[in-house]
């Protein structure tokens, strides 16, 4: 999503920033869980990450 697309939705930029931050945190957590070999935690983080990405996609529409 480009900046111009974001600015077309007043007030949504904070939502985008929040979701992008949450996604980056989940990706870091996933990397750590995979490094530690914690498959249950990695699976839970993948589900959370998919949900966050879905929310971001809906917000982009």
N, C-alpha and C. Protein backbone atom coordinates (compact mmCIF):
# COMPACT_ATOMS: atom_id res chain seq x y z
N UNK A 1 0.84 -1.17 0.00
CA UNK A 1 0.00 0.00 0.00
C UNK A 1 0.89 1.23 0.00
N UNK A 2 0.53 2.15 -0.84
CA UNK A 2 1.32 3.38 -0.94
C UNK A 2 0.85 4.41 0.07
N UNK A 3 1.67 5.40 0.27
CA UNK A 3 1.31 6.47 1.20
C UNK A 3 0.05 7.17 0.74
N UNK A 4 -0.10 7.40 -0.55
CA UNK A 4 -1.29 8.10 -1.04
C UNK A 4 -2.55 7.29 -0.78
N UNK A 5 -2.46 5.97 -0.86
CA UNK A 5 -3.62 5.13 -0.55
C UNK A 5 -3.95 5.23 0.94
N UNK A 6 -2.95 5.25 1.77
CA UNK A 6 -3.19 5.37 3.20
C UNK A 6 -3.83 6.71 3.53
N UNK A 7 -3.32 7.78 2.95
CA UNK A 7 -3.81 9.09 3.30
C UNK A 7 -5.23 9.32 2.78
N UNK A 8 -5.71 8.47 1.88
CA UNK A 8 -7.08 8.58 1.39
C UNK A 8 -8.09 8.14 2.45
N UNK A 9 -7.62 7.47 3.48
CA UNK A 9 -8.48 7.00 4.56
C UNK A 9 -8.11 7.75 5.85
N UNK A 10 -8.76 8.88 6.11
CA UNK A 10 -8.43 9.67 7.30
C UNK A 10 -8.54 8.83 8.57
N UNK A 11 -7.57 8.94 9.41
CA UNK A 11 -7.58 8.22 10.68
C UNK A 11 -7.12 6.78 10.58
N UNK A 12 -7.00 6.25 9.41
CA UNK A 12 -6.62 4.84 9.26
C UNK A 12 -5.12 4.63 9.34
N UNK A 13 -4.35 5.69 9.19
CA UNK A 13 -2.90 5.51 9.19
C UNK A 13 -2.40 4.94 10.51
N UNK A 14 -3.02 5.32 11.62
CA UNK A 14 -2.59 4.76 12.90
C UNK A 14 -2.94 3.28 12.97
N UNK A 15 -4.07 2.88 12.36
CA UNK A 15 -4.43 1.47 12.32
C UNK A 15 -3.42 0.68 11.50
N UNK A 16 -3.01 1.24 10.36
CA UNK A 16 -2.00 0.58 9.53
C UNK A 16 -0.70 0.43 10.31
N UNK A 17 -0.28 1.51 10.94
CA UNK A 17 0.98 1.48 11.69
C UNK A 17 0.92 0.44 12.80
N UNK A 18 -0.21 0.40 13.51
CA UNK A 18 -0.36 -0.56 14.60
C UNK A 18 -0.29 -1.99 14.08
N UNK A 19 -1.04 -2.27 13.00
CA UNK A 19 -1.03 -3.63 12.46
C UNK A 19 0.34 -4.00 11.90
N UNK A 20 0.99 -3.08 11.23
CA UNK A 20 2.33 -3.36 10.71
C UNK A 20 3.30 -3.64 11.85
N UNK A 21 3.18 -2.91 12.95
CA UNK A 21 4.03 -3.16 14.11
C UNK A 21 3.74 -4.54 14.69
N UNK A 22 2.45 -4.87 14.85
CA UNK A 22 2.08 -6.18 15.39
C UNK A 22 2.58 -7.31 14.50
N UNK A 23 2.50 -7.11 13.19
CA UNK A 23 2.99 -8.12 12.24
C UNK A 23 4.49 -8.30 12.39
N UNK A 24 5.22 -7.21 12.51
CA UNK A 24 6.68 -7.32 12.65
C UNK A 24 7.05 -8.02 13.96
N UNK A 25 6.31 -7.73 15.02
CA UNK A 25 6.57 -8.39 16.30
C UNK A 25 6.27 -9.89 16.21
N UNK A 26 5.19 -10.24 15.53
CA UNK A 26 4.83 -11.65 15.36
C UNK A 26 5.89 -12.37 14.52
N UNK A 27 6.40 -11.70 13.48
CA UNK A 27 7.43 -12.32 12.65
C UNK A 27 8.70 -12.57 13.46
N UNK A 28 9.05 -11.62 14.32
CA UNK A 28 10.23 -11.81 15.18
C UNK A 28 10.00 -12.96 16.16
N UNK A 29 8.80 -13.01 16.73
CA UNK A 29 8.46 -14.09 17.65
C UNK A 29 8.48 -15.44 16.97
N UNK A 30 8.00 -15.48 15.74
CA UNK A 30 8.00 -16.72 14.96
C UNK A 30 9.43 -17.18 14.70
N UNK A 31 10.27 -16.27 14.31
CA UNK A 31 11.67 -16.61 14.05
C UNK A 31 12.32 -17.18 15.31
N UNK A 32 12.04 -16.57 16.46
CA UNK A 32 12.62 -17.05 17.71
C UNK A 32 12.06 -18.43 18.08
N UNK A 33 10.76 -18.61 17.92
CA UNK A 33 10.14 -19.90 18.24
C UNK A 33 10.71 -21.01 17.35
N UNK A 34 10.89 -20.70 16.07
CA UNK A 34 11.47 -21.69 15.16
C UNK A 34 12.91 -21.99 15.53
N UNK A 35 13.66 -20.96 15.91
CA UNK A 35 15.05 -21.15 16.32
C UNK A 35 15.13 -22.04 17.56
N UNK A 36 14.17 -21.84 18.48
CA UNK A 36 14.15 -22.61 19.72
C UNK A 36 13.55 -24.00 19.53
N UNK A 37 12.96 -24.25 18.36
CA UNK A 37 12.35 -25.55 18.10
C UNK A 37 10.99 -25.73 18.77
N UNK A 38 10.35 -24.64 19.14
CA UNK A 38 9.04 -24.70 19.80
C UNK A 38 7.94 -24.70 18.74
N UNK A 39 7.56 -25.90 18.31
CA UNK A 39 6.62 -26.01 17.19
C UNK A 39 5.21 -25.54 17.56
N UNK A 40 4.79 -25.78 18.80
CA UNK A 40 3.45 -25.34 19.23
C UNK A 40 3.36 -23.82 19.23
N UNK A 41 4.36 -23.17 19.77
CA UNK A 41 4.36 -21.71 19.79
C UNK A 41 4.45 -21.16 18.38
N UNK A 42 5.27 -21.77 17.54
CA UNK A 42 5.41 -21.32 16.15
C UNK A 42 4.07 -21.43 15.42
N UNK A 43 3.33 -22.50 15.64
CA UNK A 43 2.03 -22.67 15.01
C UNK A 43 1.05 -21.61 15.49
N UNK A 44 1.06 -21.32 16.78
CA UNK A 44 0.17 -20.30 17.33
C UNK A 44 0.51 -18.92 16.76
N UNK A 45 1.79 -18.64 16.64
CA UNK A 45 2.20 -17.35 16.08
C UNK A 45 1.82 -17.25 14.61
N UNK A 46 1.94 -18.34 13.87
CA UNK A 46 1.54 -18.34 12.45
C UNK A 46 0.06 -18.03 12.31
N UNK A 47 -0.76 -18.60 13.20
CA UNK A 47 -2.21 -18.32 13.16
C UNK A 47 -2.46 -16.84 13.47
N UNK A 48 -1.78 -16.32 14.47
CA UNK A 48 -1.93 -14.91 14.83
C UNK A 48 -1.49 -14.02 13.67
N UNK A 49 -0.37 -14.36 13.07
CA UNK A 49 0.18 -13.60 11.95
C UNK A 49 -0.80 -13.59 10.77
N UNK A 50 -1.40 -14.73 10.49
CA UNK A 50 -2.38 -14.81 9.40
C UNK A 50 -3.57 -13.90 9.69
N UNK A 51 -4.01 -13.88 10.93
CA UNK A 51 -5.13 -13.01 11.31
C UNK A 51 -4.78 -11.54 11.18
N UNK A 52 -3.59 -11.18 11.60
CA UNK A 52 -3.15 -9.79 11.49
C UNK A 52 -3.04 -9.37 10.03
N UNK A 53 -2.51 -10.25 9.20
CA UNK A 53 -2.39 -9.93 7.78
C UNK A 53 -3.76 -9.80 7.13
N UNK A 54 -4.71 -10.63 7.57
CA UNK A 54 -6.09 -10.51 7.06
C UNK A 54 -6.69 -9.15 7.46
N UNK A 55 -6.48 -8.75 8.72
CA UNK A 55 -6.98 -7.45 9.18
C UNK A 55 -6.38 -6.32 8.36
N UNK A 56 -5.09 -6.41 8.10
CA UNK A 56 -4.42 -5.37 7.32
C UNK A 56 -4.99 -5.32 5.90
N UNK A 57 -5.26 -6.47 5.33
CA UNK A 57 -5.83 -6.53 3.99
C UNK A 57 -7.23 -5.91 3.96
N UNK A 58 -8.03 -6.21 4.97
CA UNK A 58 -9.37 -5.63 5.05
C UNK A 58 -9.32 -4.11 5.19
N UNK A 59 -8.38 -3.64 5.96
CA UNK A 59 -8.23 -2.21 6.17
C UNK A 59 -7.78 -1.53 4.88
N UNK A 60 -7.04 -2.24 4.06
CA UNK A 60 -6.56 -1.67 2.82
C UNK A 60 -7.68 -1.50 1.80
N UNK A 61 -8.75 -2.29 1.95
CA UNK A 61 -9.86 -2.21 1.00
C UNK A 61 -10.69 -1.01 1.19
